[in-house]
Protein backbone atom coordinates (compact mmCIF):
# COMPACT_ATOMS: atom_id res chain seq x y z
CA MET A 1 -46.97 31.80 22.05
CA PRO A 2 -45.83 32.53 18.39
CA GLU A 3 -42.96 30.49 17.58
CA ALA A 4 -39.69 33.13 16.80
CA SER A 5 -38.78 34.05 13.83
CA SER A 6 -35.74 33.46 12.32
CA ALA A 7 -34.29 37.19 13.28
CA THR A 8 -34.85 36.96 16.61
CA ARG A 9 -33.16 33.22 17.20
CA LEU A 10 -30.51 32.52 19.83
CA PRO A 11 -27.23 31.45 17.95
CA ALA A 12 -26.69 27.61 19.07
CA VAL A 13 -24.47 27.36 21.93
CA PRO A 14 -21.24 25.90 21.58
CA GLY A 15 -20.71 23.42 23.58
CA ALA A 16 -19.69 20.44 21.50
CA ALA A 17 -16.79 23.22 20.43
CA ARG A 18 -16.21 23.55 23.87
CA GLN A 19 -16.01 20.15 24.60
CA ALA A 20 -13.62 19.31 21.37
CA SER A 21 -11.30 22.05 22.11
CA LEU A 22 -10.59 21.15 25.69
CA ARG A 23 -10.27 17.39 24.36
CA ALA A 24 -7.23 18.48 22.09
CA HIS A 25 -5.83 20.68 24.65
CA ASN A 26 -5.59 17.40 27.16
CA LEU A 27 -4.14 15.41 24.31
CA ALA A 28 -1.85 18.17 23.89
CA LEU A 29 -1.08 17.57 27.26
CA VAL A 30 -0.65 14.05 27.56
CA LEU A 31 1.92 14.01 24.76
CA GLN A 32 3.87 16.97 25.94
CA ALA A 33 4.40 15.04 28.99
CA LEU A 34 5.54 12.01 27.12
CA VAL A 35 7.54 13.74 25.03
CA GLU A 36 9.23 15.41 27.69
CA GLY A 37 9.48 13.32 30.30
CA GLY A 38 9.97 9.31 29.15
CA PRO A 39 7.67 6.47 29.41
CA GLU A 40 5.10 6.75 32.56
CA SER A 41 1.82 5.06 33.97
CA ARG A 42 -1.24 6.54 33.49
CA ALA A 43 -1.77 7.23 36.91
CA ALA A 44 1.58 9.05 37.30
CA LEU A 45 0.29 11.39 34.28
CA ALA A 46 -2.84 11.54 36.25
CA ARG A 47 -1.19 13.49 38.80
CA ARG A 48 1.42 14.93 36.74
CA LEU A 49 -1.17 16.79 34.76
CA GLY A 50 -4.17 17.26 37.18
CA LEU A 51 -6.28 15.19 35.32
CA THR A 52 -8.41 11.80 36.13
CA LYS A 53 -7.50 9.07 35.79
CA SER A 54 -10.37 7.71 33.59
CA THR A 55 -9.78 10.74 31.92
CA VAL A 56 -5.74 10.17 30.72
CA SER A 57 -6.48 6.89 30.12
CA ALA A 58 -9.34 7.52 27.51
CA LEU A 59 -6.74 10.31 25.88
CA VAL A 60 -3.94 6.95 26.02
CA GLU A 61 -6.44 5.22 23.98
CA GLN A 62 -7.17 7.61 21.79
CA LEU A 63 -3.49 8.49 21.19
CA ALA A 64 -3.24 4.54 20.73
CA ALA A 65 -5.80 4.24 18.35
CA ALA A 66 -3.92 6.70 16.12
CA GLY A 67 -0.64 5.03 16.52
CA VAL A 68 1.22 8.07 18.75
CA VAL A 69 1.92 5.61 22.07
CA THR A 70 1.81 2.64 23.11
CA ASP A 71 1.66 0.67 26.42
CA ASP A 72 2.80 -2.47 24.90
CA VAL A 73 6.39 -2.07 26.72
CA ALA A 74 8.14 -3.32 30.04
CA PRO A 75 6.46 -2.34 32.96
CA THR A 76 8.01 0.25 35.77
CA PRO A 77 10.41 -1.98 38.47
CA PRO A 78 7.77 -3.37 40.93
CA THR A 79 7.59 -1.59 44.36
CA PRO A 80 7.25 -2.28 47.77
CA ALA A 81 3.69 -0.98 47.35
CA PRO A 82 1.40 -4.25 46.78
CA GLY A 83 -0.76 -4.65 43.45
CA ARG A 84 0.41 -5.59 40.01
CA PRO A 85 3.41 -2.78 38.59
CA ALA A 86 1.90 -0.28 36.25
CA SER A 87 2.53 -1.29 32.26
CA PRO A 88 4.30 2.52 31.43
CA VAL A 89 2.36 4.30 28.23
CA ALA A 90 5.33 5.28 25.91
CA LEU A 91 5.78 6.70 22.21
CA ALA A 92 5.11 4.35 19.47
CA ALA A 93 8.40 3.46 17.17
CA GLY A 94 5.60 3.81 14.22
CA GLY A 95 4.51 6.87 14.99
CA PRO A 96 4.22 10.51 13.58
CA VAL A 97 8.03 11.93 12.29
CA ALA A 98 9.29 14.60 10.37
CA LEU A 99 11.92 15.20 7.48
CA GLY A 100 15.02 18.25 8.15
CA ILE A 101 16.63 19.53 5.38
CA GLU A 102 19.22 21.69 5.12
CA ILE A 103 20.48 24.21 2.59
CA ALA A 104 23.66 24.94 2.58
CA VAL A 105 26.00 26.78 0.57
CA ASP A 106 28.26 23.73 -0.26
CA GLY A 107 25.55 20.90 -0.11
CA LEU A 108 22.17 19.46 1.10
CA ALA A 109 21.54 17.16 4.19
CA GLY A 110 18.24 15.73 5.17
CA CYS A 111 17.69 13.39 8.14
CA VAL A 112 14.13 11.91 9.60
CA VAL A 113 13.44 12.53 13.84
CA ASP A 114 10.59 10.73 15.37
CA LEU A 115 8.96 12.18 18.13
CA ALA A 116 11.18 11.26 20.96
CA GLY A 117 13.97 13.09 19.43
CA ALA A 118 15.63 9.88 17.94
CA LEU A 119 17.59 10.53 14.39
CA ARG A 120 15.75 7.92 12.41
CA ALA A 121 18.11 8.13 9.00
CA THR A 122 20.59 10.86 7.60
CA GLU A 123 21.38 11.82 3.66
CA ARG A 124 24.16 14.33 2.57
CA VAL A 125 24.85 15.34 -0.76
CA ALA A 126 28.02 17.78 -2.23
CA THR A 127 26.47 20.26 -4.45
CA ASP A 128 27.94 23.76 -5.08
CA ASN A 129 24.53 26.04 -4.42
CA ARG A 130 26.02 29.18 -5.98
CA SER A 131 26.78 28.01 -9.04
CA GLY A 132 23.35 26.33 -11.57
CA PRO A 133 19.73 27.58 -11.04
CA PRO A 134 18.41 27.57 -7.51
CA ARG A 135 15.37 25.64 -9.19
CA GLU A 136 17.87 22.45 -9.86
CA ARG A 137 19.29 22.42 -6.38
CA LEU A 138 15.65 22.78 -5.05
CA ALA A 139 15.20 19.90 -7.26
CA GLN A 140 17.74 18.05 -5.97
CA ALA A 141 16.37 18.88 -2.12
CA GLY A 142 13.17 18.12 -3.25
CA ALA A 143 14.16 14.38 -4.33
CA LEU A 144 16.64 13.87 -1.25
CA ALA A 145 12.79 14.59 0.61
CA ALA A 146 10.59 12.09 -1.51
CA ARG A 147 13.91 9.57 -0.77
CA LEU A 148 14.28 10.32 3.05
CA ALA A 149 10.52 9.91 3.61
CA ALA A 150 10.08 6.97 1.51
CA ARG A 151 12.54 5.36 3.58
CA ALA A 152 10.71 6.40 6.85
CA THR A 153 7.41 5.31 5.46
CA ALA A 154 9.47 1.36 4.86
CA GLU A 155 10.99 1.85 8.65
CA GLY A 156 7.04 2.15 9.83
CA GLY A 157 7.02 5.62 10.75
CA ALA A 158 4.77 8.36 9.54
CA PRO A 159 5.68 10.81 7.94
CA VAL A 160 3.86 14.32 9.14
CA GLY A 161 5.84 17.26 8.02
CA ALA A 162 9.35 18.66 6.88
CA GLY A 163 11.48 21.44 8.12
CA ILE A 164 13.90 23.33 5.48
CA ALA A 165 17.13 24.84 7.16
CA PHE A 166 18.44 27.97 4.88
CA PRO A 167 20.94 30.07 5.52
CA GLY A 168 19.57 33.38 5.06
CA ILE A 169 16.61 35.79 6.10
CA VAL A 170 13.41 33.50 6.12
CA ASP A 171 10.18 35.29 7.44
CA ALA A 172 7.35 33.75 9.26
CA ALA A 173 5.90 32.34 6.22
CA GLY A 174 8.86 30.69 5.19
CA VAL A 175 9.96 33.12 2.23
CA ALA A 176 13.71 33.61 1.40
CA ARG A 177 14.12 37.01 1.50
CA ARG A 178 17.91 37.45 1.68
CA ALA A 179 20.60 34.93 0.89
CA PRO A 180 24.00 37.10 1.10
CA ASN A 181 25.96 33.97 0.23
CA LEU A 182 23.56 32.65 -2.02
CA PRO A 183 22.83 35.43 -4.98
CA GLY A 184 19.71 34.59 -7.21
CA TRP A 185 18.23 32.68 -4.47
CA ALA A 186 15.74 34.97 -2.53
CA PRO A 187 12.94 35.34 -2.73
CA CYS A 188 11.94 32.35 -2.57
CA ASP A 189 8.58 30.48 -1.41
CA LEU A 190 10.82 27.69 0.23
CA PRO A 191 7.75 25.30 1.34
CA ALA A 192 5.79 25.98 -1.61
CA LEU A 193 8.74 24.87 -4.05
CA LEU A 194 10.10 21.89 -1.66
CA ALA A 195 6.14 20.70 -1.14
CA ARG A 196 6.05 20.70 -5.04
CA LEU A 197 9.31 19.57 -6.30
CA SER A 198 9.32 17.13 -3.85
CA GLY A 199 6.12 15.29 -4.46
CA LEU A 200 5.31 15.51 -1.22
CA GLY A 201 2.89 18.37 -0.77
CA THR A 202 0.88 16.27 0.81
CA LEU A 203 3.17 16.92 4.21
CA VAL A 204 3.42 20.69 6.23
CA TRP A 205 6.55 22.44 4.97
CA ARG A 206 7.83 24.87 7.29
CA ALA A 207 11.32 26.86 6.65
CA GLY A 208 13.72 28.66 9.04
CA ASN A 209 16.71 30.41 9.04
CA GLU A 210 19.50 27.41 9.70
CA ALA A 211 20.90 29.00 12.94
CA ASN A 212 17.98 29.91 14.41
CA LEU A 213 16.97 25.80 13.10
CA ALA A 214 20.57 24.52 14.84
CA ALA A 215 19.77 26.39 18.09
CA LEU A 216 16.33 24.94 17.71
CA GLY A 217 18.32 21.86 17.90
CA GLU A 218 20.67 21.88 20.72
CA GLN A 219 17.92 23.14 22.64
CA ARG A 220 15.88 19.77 22.07
CA ALA A 221 18.72 17.16 22.45
CA GLY A 222 22.21 18.90 22.48
CA ALA A 223 24.59 21.52 24.32
CA GLY A 224 21.26 24.04 24.49
CA ARG A 225 18.91 20.88 27.08
CA GLY A 226 18.26 22.91 30.24
CA GLN A 227 19.06 26.11 29.04
CA ALA A 228 16.44 28.89 29.29
CA ASP A 229 19.19 31.65 27.87
CA PHE A 230 21.86 31.19 24.97
CA VAL A 231 23.19 32.04 21.50
CA LEU A 232 24.03 29.47 19.28
CA VAL A 233 27.45 30.93 16.92
CA SER A 234 27.58 28.94 13.74
CA GLY A 235 29.65 29.30 10.89
CA GLU A 236 30.63 27.92 7.58
CA VAL A 237 30.71 30.20 4.61
CA GLY A 238 28.10 32.65 6.51
CA ILE A 239 28.04 33.18 10.17
CA GLY A 240 24.62 32.43 11.88
CA ALA A 241 23.45 33.39 15.16
CA GLY A 242 20.08 31.81 16.52
CA LEU A 243 19.06 33.27 20.06
CA VAL A 244 17.46 31.31 22.56
CA LEU A 245 15.53 33.49 25.32
CA GLY A 246 13.74 32.55 28.07
CA GLY A 247 13.40 28.74 26.90
CA ARG A 248 12.37 30.29 23.05
CA LEU A 249 13.88 31.16 19.84
CA VAL A 250 13.82 34.81 19.03
CA THR A 251 13.61 34.82 14.80
CA GLY A 252 12.45 38.94 15.14
CA PRO A 253 9.06 39.80 13.20
CA THR A 254 10.75 39.55 9.96
CA GLY A 255 13.04 36.34 10.34
CA ALA A 256 16.16 38.83 10.49
CA ALA A 257 17.21 38.67 14.24
CA GLY A 258 20.49 36.39 14.80
CA GLU A 259 22.83 38.15 11.80
CA LEU A 260 25.61 37.81 13.94
CA GLY A 261 28.08 37.52 10.44
CA HIS A 262 26.95 40.66 9.62
CA VAL A 263 27.96 42.58 12.48
CA CYS A 264 30.42 45.59 11.33
CA VAL A 265 33.75 44.97 13.33
CA ALA A 266 35.44 46.84 11.45
CA PRO A 267 33.93 50.01 9.37
CA ASP A 268 36.56 50.21 6.83
CA GLY A 269 37.24 46.45 6.16
CA PRO A 270 36.74 44.30 3.40
CA LEU A 271 33.31 44.41 1.22
CA CYS A 272 31.09 41.91 2.38
CA GLY A 273 28.29 40.22 -0.06
CA CYS A 274 25.71 42.22 2.15
CA GLY A 275 27.02 45.51 0.73
CA ALA A 276 28.53 46.79 3.27
CA ARG A 277 32.06 46.58 5.03
CA GLY A 278 34.30 45.03 7.83
CA CYS A 279 31.52 42.20 8.19
CA VAL A 280 32.46 39.63 11.15
CA GLU A 281 32.23 37.14 8.19
CA GLN A 282 34.81 38.85 6.30
CA TYR A 283 37.36 37.41 9.14
CA ALA A 284 35.80 34.79 10.82
CA GLY A 285 33.82 32.51 7.47
CA LEU A 286 34.87 29.82 5.76
CA GLU A 287 36.25 31.35 2.85
CA ALA A 288 37.84 34.69 4.85
CA LEU A 289 39.68 32.14 6.96
CA GLN A 290 41.27 29.94 4.03
CA ARG A 291 42.13 33.19 2.21
CA ALA A 292 43.82 34.31 5.39
CA GLY A 293 45.42 30.66 6.06
CA GLY A 294 46.80 29.74 2.94
CA VAL A 295 44.78 27.03 2.27
CA SER A 296 41.49 25.67 0.11
CA GLY A 297 38.80 23.53 1.33
CA ARG A 298 37.25 22.95 4.77
CA ALA A 299 39.15 19.73 5.56
CA ALA A 300 42.76 21.38 4.35
CA LEU A 301 41.72 23.96 6.90
CA LEU A 302 41.05 21.44 9.49
CA SER A 303 43.98 19.74 8.98
CA ALA A 304 46.52 22.76 8.67
CA ALA A 305 45.00 23.99 12.15
CA GLY A 306 45.43 20.42 13.53
CA ARG A 307 49.31 20.64 13.08
CA ARG A 308 49.45 23.97 14.22
CA ASP A 309 50.48 25.65 11.10
CA ALA A 310 51.48 29.02 11.53
CA ALA A 311 49.39 31.10 9.29
CA VAL A 312 46.34 29.38 10.15
CA LEU A 313 46.49 29.80 13.51
CA ALA A 314 46.96 33.63 13.07
CA ALA A 315 44.38 33.59 11.01
CA LEU A 316 42.36 31.95 13.79
CA GLU A 317 43.28 34.16 15.95
CA ARG A 318 41.98 36.77 14.22
CA ALA A 319 38.77 34.97 13.56
CA GLY A 320 38.31 34.50 17.54
CA ARG A 321 38.49 37.88 18.01
CA ALA A 322 36.62 39.43 15.91
CA LEU A 323 33.85 36.89 17.20
CA GLY A 324 34.95 38.01 20.59
CA VAL A 325 34.18 41.27 19.58
CA ALA A 326 30.83 40.48 17.74
CA CYS A 327 29.55 38.28 20.60
CA ALA A 328 30.13 40.80 23.40
CA ALA A 329 28.43 43.04 21.52
CA LEU A 330 25.12 40.48 21.33
CA VAL A 331 25.92 39.75 25.27
CA ASN A 332 25.26 43.61 26.24
CA VAL A 333 22.55 44.00 24.51
CA VAL A 334 20.75 40.68 25.94
CA ASP A 335 22.86 39.37 28.44
CA VAL A 336 23.04 35.45 27.57
CA PRO A 337 25.26 33.62 29.83
CA VAL A 338 26.30 31.01 27.07
CA ILE A 339 27.31 30.67 23.54
CA VAL A 340 27.61 27.58 21.74
CA LEU A 341 30.22 27.23 18.92
CA GLY A 342 28.15 25.17 16.34
CA GLY A 343 29.42 24.54 12.67
CA LEU A 344 32.97 25.16 11.73
CA TYR A 345 33.72 26.51 14.78
CA ARG A 346 33.02 23.80 16.95
CA GLU A 347 35.88 21.73 15.20
CA LEU A 348 38.19 24.82 15.83
CA ALA A 349 36.63 25.26 19.41
CA SER A 350 40.18 24.65 20.37
CA VAL A 351 41.61 27.42 19.16
CA LEU A 352 38.88 30.05 19.05
CA SER A 353 38.14 29.60 22.38
CA ALA A 354 40.81 31.58 24.05
CA PRO A 355 40.85 34.70 21.85
CA LEU A 356 36.98 34.72 21.59
CA CYS A 357 36.99 34.42 25.36
CA GLU A 358 39.22 37.09 26.16
CA GLU A 359 37.32 39.87 24.13
CA LEU A 360 34.41 38.45 26.02
CA GLY A 361 36.10 39.18 29.16
CA ARG A 362 37.25 42.61 28.13
CA ARG A 363 33.99 44.16 26.34
CA ALA A 364 30.99 41.68 27.86
CA LEU A 365 29.29 43.98 30.61
CA ARG A 366 28.65 41.29 32.84
CA GLY A 367 31.98 39.44 31.94
CA GLN A 368 33.36 40.89 35.20
CA TYR A 369 30.94 39.23 38.13
CA ALA A 370 29.58 36.52 35.78
CA PRO A 371 31.40 35.09 32.72
CA VAL A 372 29.99 33.64 30.09
CA ARG A 373 30.61 30.49 29.22
CA VAL A 374 31.41 29.16 25.76
CA VAL A 375 30.84 25.43 24.58
CA ALA A 376 30.58 23.63 21.45
CA SER A 377 27.48 22.21 19.80
CA GLU A 378 26.62 19.31 20.39
CA LEU A 379 24.99 17.59 17.72
CA GLY A 380 27.65 19.55 15.23
CA GLU A 381 26.73 19.40 11.17
CA ASP A 382 23.47 17.63 11.95
CA ALA A 383 22.25 20.70 14.26
CA ALA A 384 20.37 22.55 11.78
CA MET A 385 18.89 19.69 10.09
CA ARG A 386 17.32 18.07 12.94
CA GLY A 387 16.06 22.07 14.25
CA ALA A 388 14.11 22.09 10.94
CA ALA A 389 12.40 18.36 12.00
CA GLY A 390 11.73 19.42 15.84
CA LEU A 391 10.21 22.70 13.96
CA VAL A 392 7.37 20.23 12.45
CA LEU A 393 7.42 18.33 15.62
CA ASP A 394 6.65 20.79 17.65
CA GLU A 395 3.39 22.22 15.91
CA VAL A 396 2.59 17.98 16.51
CA VAL A 397 2.97 17.93 20.10
CA ARG A 398 1.30 21.61 20.51
CA ASP A 399 -1.65 20.82 18.24
CA PRO A 400 -1.90 16.70 17.50
CA VAL A 401 -5.38 16.52 16.28
CA ALA A 402 -4.69 18.89 13.22
CA PHE A 403 -1.88 16.67 12.31
CA LEU A 404 -3.18 12.89 13.01
CA PRO A 405 -7.23 13.35 11.21
CA GLU A 406 -7.76 10.21 13.19
CA LEU A 407 -7.94 12.08 16.95
CA GLY A 408 -10.56 14.65 15.11
CA ARG A 409 -13.11 11.93 15.41
């Protein structure tokens, strides 16, 4: 029989590629199980994941060789069943870590977070990011990231990426498209610039809106744990909302979802930095509260609220009602059962909650039979930067082979 010509040969069957894909998928399953459920024996992992014990053992050995997991931990307590107690598999202390960098209107902050969600390091830098060239402030953020990466490495962690939380609209590529409270910053390719300015271009860089990432942080390790549907309302100079529905963060096709601060509550109200009038930010943002209360600075505002200053309490009453109007509109559209108050609002929750809940009860349709629960953030000022780190860590868990070359061998 004559040899087939090159034009008629069939392509090679991609069996090896399918096998590699299956292995990558199973590695991700094992890692996700350990991240979500904590230490477990190989046998327990096999039962939970529907894999054979030998398959799980092989996957664990690969993850251990890459420094991601270890079984060098105390065995589980003995049970009445015969035999030696199983040694649990756990996330390794020296495994992958991610940086979280927050660029706020009035400062920079950064952290290091490991796969278990533990906070390894934090640092804050006071800056006025509305003054001076944005590139200068980005250089400071890059230097902060470099310091944190060096510290993480010195302490045995393996930095694999960095997330950036930014107070504005950030698209899926990480480009800041609009920033009403940081004039001159947009458009700005945040990942590309910070990768270059930090000297950490070998890391994976991601970026997102700060309120969205604060919601992600609360979902992973704060007031959003166990909540499939909630909204985090974060108040500082600007106001943002991070919306979680069905367990997933909703950002919209352009990244503009959750801009609660620019919901109109008074069409003829004060002019906002976005160009519109009567935005809720002009009644409940930090600077609006300071103006109405006759105080200067966040600390002064909190102090005045604590001593029940009449002007500040009146400003907070008005702010709570404006927030309630905006949140009720949101609840009527997406039907969330929980509102988490973050940022400045966490500190003022005892004063803001009553007028906010009163407006919710009056305006949110579900409030007549299923009242919306309003709770304070558990992570506070750390929420956005922890969520930014989580943006990268979630990718590591979904596809560990892409982040850890040792697993691809």
